[in-house]
Amino acid sequence: MDVAIVVVVSGLAQALHVVLFVLFRRWMNRDLALSFAGDEPARRAYMLVQLQQARVQGIARRALPDWLARAAANVPDVAPAA
């Protein structure tokens, strides 16, 4: 019985670590994308869409900063909301 408890608790602890790792990585990627956008809401929305595109295309984490920088350089001119 003791072994079963240890196995269950160890499995749950590992699952928690995996979930936290994935969440933190998503938050870091989102912050990275938003750092290229500045304070303009239209640019922020555009960069979040570009981050989704990077996920769909399977861009590696190591290549993501350069990919997002190129995407930020190609932001279409959007008139700020008045």
PDB file of N, CA and C in Angstrom:
ATOM      1  N   MET A   1       0.819  -1.198   0.000  1.00  0.00           N
ATOM      2  CA  MET A   1       0.000   0.000   0.000  1.00  0.00           C
ATOM      3  C   MET A   1       0.863   1.261   0.000  1.00  0.00           C
ATOM      4  N   ASP A   2       1.939   1.237   0.793  1.00  0.00           N
ATOM      5  CA  ASP A   2       2.826   2.395   0.864  1.00  0.00           C
ATOM      6  C   ASP A   2       3.478   2.684  -0.485  1.00  0.00           C
ATOM      7  N   VAL A   3       3.834   1.623  -1.177  1.00  0.00           N
ATOM      8  CA  VAL A   3       4.474   1.793  -2.490  1.00  0.00           C
ATOM      9  C   VAL A   3       3.490   2.419  -3.469  1.00  0.00           C
ATOM     10  N   ALA A   4       2.250   2.025  -3.411  1.00  0.00           N
ATOM     11  CA  ALA A   4       1.239   2.589  -4.313  1.00  0.00           C
ATOM     12  C   ALA A   4       1.063   4.083  -4.059  1.00  0.00           C
ATOM     13  N   ILE A   5       1.081   4.485  -2.800  1.00  0.00           N
ATOM     14  CA  ILE A   5       0.947   5.908  -2.475  1.00  0.00           C
ATOM     15  C   ILE A   5       2.132   6.687  -3.005  1.00  0.00           C
ATOM     16  N   VAL A   6       3.321   6.148  -2.827  1.00  0.00           N
ATOM     17  CA  VAL A   6       4.529   6.816  -3.318  1.00  0.00           C
ATOM     18  C   VAL A   6       4.487   6.932  -4.837  1.00  0.00           C
ATOM     19  N   VAL A   7       4.059   5.892  -5.516  1.00  0.00           N
ATOM     20  CA  VAL A   7       3.990   5.919  -6.983  1.00  0.00           C
ATOM     21  C   VAL A   7       2.964   6.948  -7.455  1.00  0.00           C
ATOM     22  N   VAL A   8       1.811   6.982  -6.837  1.00  0.00           N
ATOM     23  CA  VAL A   8       0.756   7.925  -7.230  1.00  0.00           C
ATOM     24  C   VAL A   8       1.206   9.358  -6.983  1.00  0.00           C
ATOM     25  N   VAL A   9       1.760   9.626  -5.814  1.00  0.00           N
ATOM     26  CA  VAL A   9       2.190  10.981  -5.490  1.00  0.00           C
ATOM     27  C   VAL A   9       3.340  11.408  -6.400  1.00  0.00           C
ATOM     28  N   SER A  10       4.254  10.510  -6.688  1.00  0.00           N
ATOM     29  CA  SER A  10       5.367  10.834  -7.597  1.00  0.00           C
ATOM     30  C   SER A  10       4.857  11.133  -8.999  1.00  0.00           C
ATOM     31  N   GLY A  11       3.904  10.348  -9.455  1.00  0.00           N
ATOM     32  CA  GLY A  11       3.313  10.596 -10.778  1.00  0.00           C
ATOM     33  C   GLY A  11       2.603  11.934 -10.841  1.00  0.00           C
ATOM     34  N   LEU A  12       1.863  12.252  -9.796  1.00  0.00           N
ATOM     35  CA  LEU A  12       1.171  13.549  -9.755  1.00  0.00           C
ATOM     36  C   LEU A  12       2.161  14.707  -9.705  1.00  0.00           C
ATOM     37  N   ALA A  13       3.241  14.541  -8.963  1.00  0.00           N
ATOM     38  CA  ALA A  13       4.251  15.595  -8.888  1.00  0.00           C
ATOM     39  C   ALA A  13       4.905  15.806 -10.250  1.00  0.00           C
ATOM     40  N   GLN A  14       5.200  14.737 -10.952  1.00  0.00           N
ATOM     41  CA  GLN A  14       5.788  14.870 -12.292  1.00  0.00           C
ATOM     42  C   GLN A  14       4.804  15.515 -13.255  1.00  0.00           C
ATOM     43  N   ALA A  15       3.544  15.156 -13.168  1.00  0.00           N
ATOM     44  CA  ALA A  15       2.530  15.764 -14.027  1.00  0.00           C
ATOM     45  C   ALA A  15       2.415  17.256 -13.742  1.00  0.00           C
ATOM     46  N   LEU A  16       2.450  17.637 -12.475  1.00  0.00           N
ATOM     47  CA  LEU A  16       2.402  19.053 -12.115  1.00  0.00           C
ATOM     48  C   LEU A  16       3.595  19.806 -12.695  1.00  0.00           C
ATOM     49  N   HIS A  17       4.768  19.222 -12.631  1.00  0.00           N
ATOM     50  CA  HIS A  17       5.948  19.873 -13.184  1.00  0.00           C
ATOM     51  C   HIS A  17       5.841  20.045 -14.696  1.00  0.00           C
ATOM     52  N   VAL A  18       5.310  19.065 -15.373  1.00  0.00           N
ATOM     53  CA  VAL A  18       5.136  19.163 -16.825  1.00  0.00           C
ATOM     54  C   VAL A  18       4.143  20.266 -17.166  1.00  0.00           C
ATOM     55  N   VAL A  19       3.040  20.318 -16.444  1.00  0.00           N
ATOM     56  CA  VAL A  19       2.033  21.358 -16.693  1.00  0.00           C
ATOM     57  C   VAL A  19       2.616  22.741 -16.444  1.00  0.00           C
ATOM     58  N   LEU A  20       3.324  22.906 -15.343  1.00  0.00           N
ATOM     59  CA  LEU A  20       3.934  24.210 -15.054  1.00  0.00           C
ATOM     60  C   LEU A  20       4.969  24.584 -16.104  1.00  0.00           C
ATOM     61  N   PHE A  21       5.757  23.620 -16.559  1.00  0.00           N
ATOM     62  CA  PHE A  21       6.753  23.887 -17.593  1.00  0.00           C
ATOM     63  C   PHE A  21       6.084  24.388 -18.870  1.00  0.00           C
ATOM     64  N   VAL A  22       5.030  23.723 -19.281  1.00  0.00           N
ATOM     65  CA  VAL A  22       4.322  24.120 -20.511  1.00  0.00           C
ATOM     66  C   VAL A  22       3.697  25.509 -20.350  1.00  0.00           C
ATOM     67  N   LEU A  23       3.074  25.762 -19.207  1.00  0.00           N
ATOM     68  CA  LEU A  23       2.462  27.076 -18.972  1.00  0.00           C
ATOM     69  C   LEU A  23       3.500  28.187 -18.967  1.00  0.00           C
ATOM     70  N   PHE A  24       4.606  27.987 -18.273  1.00  0.00           N
ATOM     71  CA  PHE A  24       5.646  29.015 -18.224  1.00  0.00           C
ATOM     72  C   PHE A  24       6.235  29.264 -19.600  1.00  0.00           C
ATOM     73  N   ARG A  25       6.415  28.203 -20.392  1.00  0.00           N
ATOM     74  CA  ARG A  25       6.961  28.377 -21.736  1.00  0.00           C
ATOM     75  C   ARG A  25       5.991  29.167 -22.608  1.00  0.00           C
ATOM     76  N   ARG A  26       4.700  28.886 -22.490  1.00  0.00           N
ATOM     77  CA  ARG A  26       3.708  29.657 -23.249  1.00  0.00           C
ATOM     78  C   ARG A  26       3.719  31.115 -22.840  1.00  0.00           C
ATOM     79  N   TRP A  27       3.806  31.377 -21.520  1.00  0.00           N
ATOM     80  CA  TRP A  27       3.834  32.758 -21.041  1.00  0.00           C
ATOM     81  C   TRP A  27       5.089  33.485 -21.521  1.00  0.00           C
ATOM     82  N   MET A  28       6.222  32.787 -21.538  1.00  0.00           N
ATOM     83  CA  MET A  28       7.463  33.415 -22.014  1.00  0.00           C
ATOM     84  C   MET A  28       7.362  33.744 -23.496  1.00  0.00           C
ATOM     85  N   ASN A  29       6.804  32.841 -24.280  1.00  0.00           N
ATOM     86  CA  ASN A  29       6.645  33.097 -25.708  1.00  0.00           C
ATOM     87  C   ASN A  29       5.699  34.266 -25.949  1.00  0.00           C
ATOM     88  N   ARG A  30       4.619  34.340 -25.177  1.00  0.00           N
ATOM     89  CA  ARG A  30       3.665  35.448 -25.310  1.00  0.00           C
ATOM     90  C   ARG A  30       4.334  36.769 -24.941  1.00  0.00           C
ATOM     91  N   ASP A  31       5.088  36.783 -23.853  1.00  0.00           N
ATOM     92  CA  ASP A  31       5.794  37.998 -23.453  1.00  0.00           C
ATOM     93  C   ASP A  31       6.826  38.403 -24.503  1.00  0.00           C
ATOM     94  N   LEU A  32       7.483  37.427 -25.100  1.00  0.00           N
ATOM     95  CA  LEU A  32       8.451  37.725 -26.152  1.00  0.00           C
ATOM     96  C   LEU A  32       7.760  38.380 -27.339  1.00  0.00           C
ATOM     97  N   ALA A  33       6.634  37.825 -27.760  1.00  0.00           N
ATOM     98  CA  ALA A  33       5.902  38.398 -28.894  1.00  0.00           C
ATOM     99  C   ALA A  33       5.417  39.805 -28.572  1.00  0.00           C
ATOM    100  N   LEU A  34       4.906  40.002 -27.368  1.00  0.00           N
ATOM    101  CA  LEU A  34       4.393  41.321 -26.995  1.00  0.00           C
ATOM    102  C   LEU A  34       5.517  42.332 -26.801  1.00  0.00           C
ATOM    103  N   SER A  35       6.721  41.876 -26.505  1.00  0.00           N
ATOM    104  CA  SER A  35       7.836  42.812 -26.357  1.00  0.00           C
ATOM    105  C   SER A  35       8.189  43.458 -27.692  1.00  0.00           C
ATOM    106  N   PHE A  36       7.901  42.796 -28.783  1.00  0.00           N
ATOM    107  CA  PHE A  36       8.141  43.374 -30.109  1.00  0.00           C
ATOM    108  C   PHE A  36       7.023  44.325 -30.527  1.00  0.00           C
ATOM    109  N   ALA A  37       5.900  44.293 -29.814  1.00  0.00           N
ATOM    110  CA  ALA A  37       4.724  45.048 -30.234  1.00  0.00           C
ATOM    111  C   ALA A  37       4.656  46.446 -29.642  1.00  0.00           C
ATOM    112  N   GLY A  38       5.228  46.663 -28.494  1.00  0.00           N
ATOM    113  CA  GLY A  38       5.094  47.962 -27.845  1.00  0.00           C
ATOM    114  C   GLY A  38       3.737  48.085 -27.182  1.00  0.00           C
ATOM    115  N   ASP A  39       3.233  49.325 -27.101  1.00  0.00           N
ATOM    116  CA  ASP A  39       1.977  49.581 -26.386  1.00  0.00           C
ATOM    117  C   ASP A  39       0.766  49.714 -27.291  1.00  0.00           C
ATOM    118  N   GLU A  40       0.956  49.680 -28.587  1.00  0.00           N
ATOM    119  CA  GLU A  40      -0.156  49.860 -29.517  1.00  0.00           C
ATOM    120  C   GLU A  40      -0.999  48.583 -29.592  1.00  0.00           C
ATOM    121  N   PRO A  41      -2.295  48.680 -29.304  1.00  0.00           N
ATOM    122  CA  PRO A  41      -3.147  47.475 -29.272  1.00  0.00           C
ATOM    123  C   PRO A  41      -3.193  46.719 -30.605  1.00  0.00           C
ATOM    124  N   ALA A  42      -3.186  47.431 -31.710  1.00  0.00           N
ATOM    125  CA  ALA A  42      -3.252  46.752 -33.008  1.00  0.00           C
ATOM    126  C   ALA A  42      -1.974  45.943 -33.257  1.00  0.00           C
ATOM    127  N   ARG A  43      -0.828  46.498 -32.881  1.00  0.00           N
ATOM    128  CA  ARG A  43       0.438  45.767 -33.034  1.00  0.00           C
ATOM    129  C   ARG A  43       0.474  44.559 -32.099  1.00  0.00           C
ATOM    130  N   ARG A  44      -0.061  44.725 -30.894  1.00  0.00           N
ATOM    131  CA  ARG A  44      -0.082  43.610 -29.946  1.00  0.00           C
ATOM    132  C   ARG A  44      -0.925  42.463 -30.503  1.00  0.00           C
ATOM    133  N   ALA A  45      -2.079  42.789 -31.050  1.00  0.00           N
ATOM    134  CA  ALA A  45      -2.944  41.765 -31.635  1.00  0.00           C
ATOM    135  C   ALA A  45      -2.256  41.098 -32.825  1.00  0.00           C
ATOM    136  N   TYR A  46      -1.582  41.898 -33.643  1.00  0.00           N
ATOM    137  CA  TYR A  46      -0.869  41.349 -34.798  1.00  0.00           C
ATOM    138  C   TYR A  46       0.236  40.383 -34.351  1.00  0.00           C
ATOM    139  N   MET A  47       0.976  40.758 -33.325  1.00  0.00           N
ATOM    140  CA  MET A  47       2.069  39.904 -32.872  1.00  0.00           C
ATOM    141  C   MET A  47       1.553  38.620 -32.228  1.00  0.00           C
ATOM    142  N   LEU A  48       0.403  38.684 -31.572  1.00  0.00           N
ATOM    143  CA  LEU A  48      -0.175  37.455 -31.013  1.00  0.00           C
ATOM    144  C   LEU A  48      -0.627  36.513 -32.123  1.00  0.00           C
ATOM    145  N   VAL A  49      -1.138  37.089 -33.214  1.00  0.00           N
ATOM    146  CA  VAL A  49      -1.500  36.264 -34.378  1.00  0.00           C
ATOM    147  C   VAL A  49      -0.244  35.646 -34.975  1.00  0.00           C
ATOM    148  N   GLN A  50       0.835  36.420 -35.043  1.00  0.00           N
ATOM    149  CA  GLN A  50       2.087  35.894 -35.580  1.00  0.00           C
ATOM    150  C   GLN A  50       2.640  34.775 -34.690  1.00  0.00           C
ATOM    151  N   LEU A  51       2.468  34.907 -33.375  1.00  0.00           N
ATOM    152  CA  LEU A  51       2.897  33.844 -32.469  1.00  0.00           C
ATOM    153  C   LEU A  51       2.110  32.566 -32.743  1.00  0.00           C
ATOM    154  N   GLN A  52       0.816  32.700 -32.998  1.00  0.00           N
ATOM    155  CA  GLN A  52       0.004  31.532 -33.366  1.00  0.00           C
ATOM    156  C   GLN A  52       0.516  30.912 -34.664  1.00  0.00           C
ATOM    157  N   GLN A  53       0.856  31.763 -35.630  1.00  0.00           N
ATOM    158  CA  GLN A  53       1.395  31.260 -36.902  1.00  0.00           C
ATOM    159  C   GLN A  53       2.701  30.498 -36.671  1.00  0.00           C
ATOM    160  N   ALA A  54       3.525  31.008 -35.780  1.00  0.00           N
ATOM    161  CA  ALA A  54       4.786  30.331 -35.477  1.00  0.00           C
ATOM    162  C   ALA A  54       4.521  28.958 -34.866  1.00  0.00           C
ATOM    163  N   ARG A  55       3.514  28.868 -33.994  1.00  0.00           N
ATOM    164  CA  ARG A  55       3.158  27.567 -33.416  1.00  0.00           C
ATOM    165  C   ARG A  55       2.680  26.612 -34.493  1.00  0.00           C
ATOM    166  N   VAL A  56       1.839  27.117 -35.402  1.00  0.00           N
ATOM    167  CA  VAL A  56       1.296  26.270 -36.478  1.00  0.00           C
ATOM    168  C   VAL A  56       2.422  25.787 -37.391  1.00  0.00           C
ATOM    169  N   GLN A  57       3.366  26.676 -37.685  1.00  0.00           N
ATOM    170  CA  GLN A  57       4.471  26.312 -38.571  1.00  0.00           C
ATOM    171  C   GLN A  57       5.534  25.468 -37.873  1.00  0.00           C
ATOM    172  N   GLY A  58       5.448  25.365 -36.559  1.00  0.00           N
ATOM    173  CA  GLY A  58       6.403  24.541 -35.825  1.00  0.00           C
ATOM    174  C   GLY A  58       7.767  25.188 -35.667  1.00  0.00           C
ATOM    175  N   ILE A  59       7.800  26.493 -35.530  1.00  0.00           N
ATOM    176  CA  ILE A  59       9.060  27.201 -35.348  1.00  0.00           C
ATOM    177  C   ILE A  59       9.653  26.794 -33.996  1.00  0.00           C
ATOM    178  N   ALA A  60      10.920  26.425 -34.000  1.00  0.00           N
ATOM    179  CA  ALA A  60      11.589  25.987 -32.770  1.00  0.00           C
ATOM    180  C   ALA A  60      11.760  27.158 -31.810  1.00  0.00           C
ATOM    181  N   ARG A  61      11.828  26.863 -30.530  1.00  0.00           N
ATOM    182  CA  ARG A  61      11.971  27.901 -29.505  1.00  0.00           C
ATOM    183  C   ARG A  61      13.239  28.713 -29.722  1.00  0.00           C
ATOM    184  N   ARG A  62      14.295  28.068 -30.161  1.00  0.00           N
ATOM    185  CA  ARG A  62      15.564  28.757 -30.389  1.00  0.00           C
ATOM    186  C   ARG A  62      15.462  29.751 -31.543  1.00  0.00           C
ATOM    187  N   ALA A  63      14.655  29.460 -32.537  1.00  0.00           N
ATOM    188  CA  ALA A  63      14.511  30.326 -33.704  1.00  0.00           C
ATOM    189  C   ALA A  63      13.382  31.340 -33.540  1.00  0.00           C
ATOM    190  N   LEU A  64      12.588  31.208 -32.497  1.00  0.00           N
ATOM    191  CA  LEU A  64      11.406  32.056 -32.327  1.00  0.00           C
ATOM    192  C   LEU A  64      11.735  33.548 -32.204  1.00  0.00           C
ATOM    193  N   PRO A  65      12.740  33.973 -31.429  1.00  0.00           N
ATOM    194  CA  PRO A  65      13.009  35.415 -31.343  1.00  0.00           C
ATOM    195  C   PRO A  65      13.317  36.055 -32.703  1.00  0.00           C
ATOM    196  N   ASP A  66      14.130  35.392 -33.514  1.00  0.00           N
ATOM    197  CA  ASP A  66      14.450  35.933 -34.840  1.00  0.00           C
ATOM    198  C   ASP A  66      13.217  35.951 -35.740  1.00  0.00           C
ATOM    199  N   TRP A  67      12.416  34.892 -35.662  1.00  0.00           N
ATOM    200  CA  TRP A  67      11.211  34.803 -36.479  1.00  0.00           C
ATOM    201  C   TRP A  67      10.244  35.918 -36.105  1.00  0.00           C
ATOM    202  N   LEU A  68      10.069  36.143 -34.800  1.00  0.00           N
ATOM    203  CA  LEU A  68       9.167  37.200 -34.358  1.00  0.00           C
ATOM    204  C   LEU A  68       9.715  38.587 -34.690  1.00  0.00           C
ATOM    205  N   ALA A  69      11.021  38.753 -34.651  1.00  0.00           N
ATOM    206  CA  ALA A  69      11.621  40.045 -35.011  1.00  0.00           C
ATOM    207  C   ALA A  69      11.353  40.352 -36.483  1.00  0.00           C
ATOM    208  N   ARG A  70      11.479  39.342 -37.330  1.00  0.00           N
ATOM    209  CA  ARG A  70      11.164  39.554 -38.757  1.00  0.00           C
ATOM    210  C   ARG A  70       9.681  39.868 -38.942  1.00  0.00           C
ATOM    211  N   ALA A  71       8.830  39.196 -38.184  1.00  0.00           N
ATOM    212  CA  ALA A  71       7.393  39.469 -38.274  1.00  0.00           C
ATOM    213  C   ALA A  71       7.086  40.881 -37.784  1.00  0.00           C
ATOM    214  N   ALA A  72       7.771  41.325 -36.748  1.00  0.00           N
ATOM    215  CA  ALA A  72       7.547  42.675 -36.222  1.00  0.00           C
ATOM    216  C   ALA A  72       8.025  43.730 -37.203  1.00  0.00           C
ATOM    217  N   ALA A  73       9.052  43.417 -37.968  1.00  0.00           N
ATOM    218  CA  ALA A  73       9.551  44.367 -38.960  1.00  0.00           C
ATOM    219  C   ALA A  73       8.576  44.510 -40.127  1.00  0.00           C
ATOM    220  N   ASN A  74       7.733  43.506 -40.330  1.00  0.00           N
ATOM    221  CA  ASN A  74       6.797  43.522 -41.453  1.00  0.00           C
ATOM    222  C   ASN A  74       5.372  43.855 -41.022  1.00  0.00           C
ATOM    223  N   VAL A  75       5.222  44.513 -39.868  1.00  0.00           N
ATOM    224  CA  VAL A  75       3.888  44.876 -39.396  1.00  0.00           C
ATOM    225  C   VAL A  75       3.245  45.832 -40.376  1.00  0.00           C
ATOM    226  N   PRO A  76       2.046  45.507 -40.833  1.00  0.00           N
ATOM    227  CA  PRO A  76       1.357  46.472 -41.722  1.00  0.00           C
ATOM    228  C   PRO A  76       1.025  47.751 -40.946  1.00  0.00           C
ATOM    229  N   ASP A  77       1.084  48.850 -41.643  1.00  0.00           N
ATOM    230  CA  ASP A  77       0.766  50.131 -41.005  1.00  0.00           C
ATOM    231  C   ASP A  77      -0.715  50.167 -40.670  1.00  0.00           C
ATOM    232  N   VAL A  78      -0.984  50.291 -39.397  1.00  0.00           N
ATOM    233  CA  VAL A  78      -2.356  50.356 -38.912  1.00  0.00           C
ATOM    234  C   VAL A  78      -2.532  51.704 -38.234  1.00  0.00           C
ATOM    235  N   ALA A  79      -3.545  52.430 -38.663  1.00  0.00           N
ATOM    236  CA  ALA A  79      -3.810  53.734 -38.066  1.00  0.00           C
ATOM    237  C   ALA A  79      -4.273  53.532 -36.627  1.00  0.00           C
ATOM    238  N   PRO A  80      -3.699  54.269 -35.676  1.00  0.00           N
ATOM    239  CA  PRO A  80      -4.146  54.124 -34.291  1.00  0.00           C
ATOM    240  C   PRO A  80      -5.587  54.578 -34.118  1.00  0.00           C
ATOM    241  N   ALA A  81      -6.279  53.894 -33.242  1.00  0.00           N
ATOM    242  CA  ALA A  81      -7.681  54.233 -32.986  1.00  0.00           C
ATOM    243  C   ALA A  81      -7.760  55.597 -32.311  1.00  0.00           C
ATOM    244  N   ALA A  82      -8.691  56.425 -32.762  1.00  0.00           N
ATOM    245  CA  ALA A  82      -8.812  57.762 -32.202  1.00  0.00           C
ATOM    246  C   ALA A  82      -9.743  57.787 -31.025  1.00  0.00           C
TER     247      ALA A  82
END
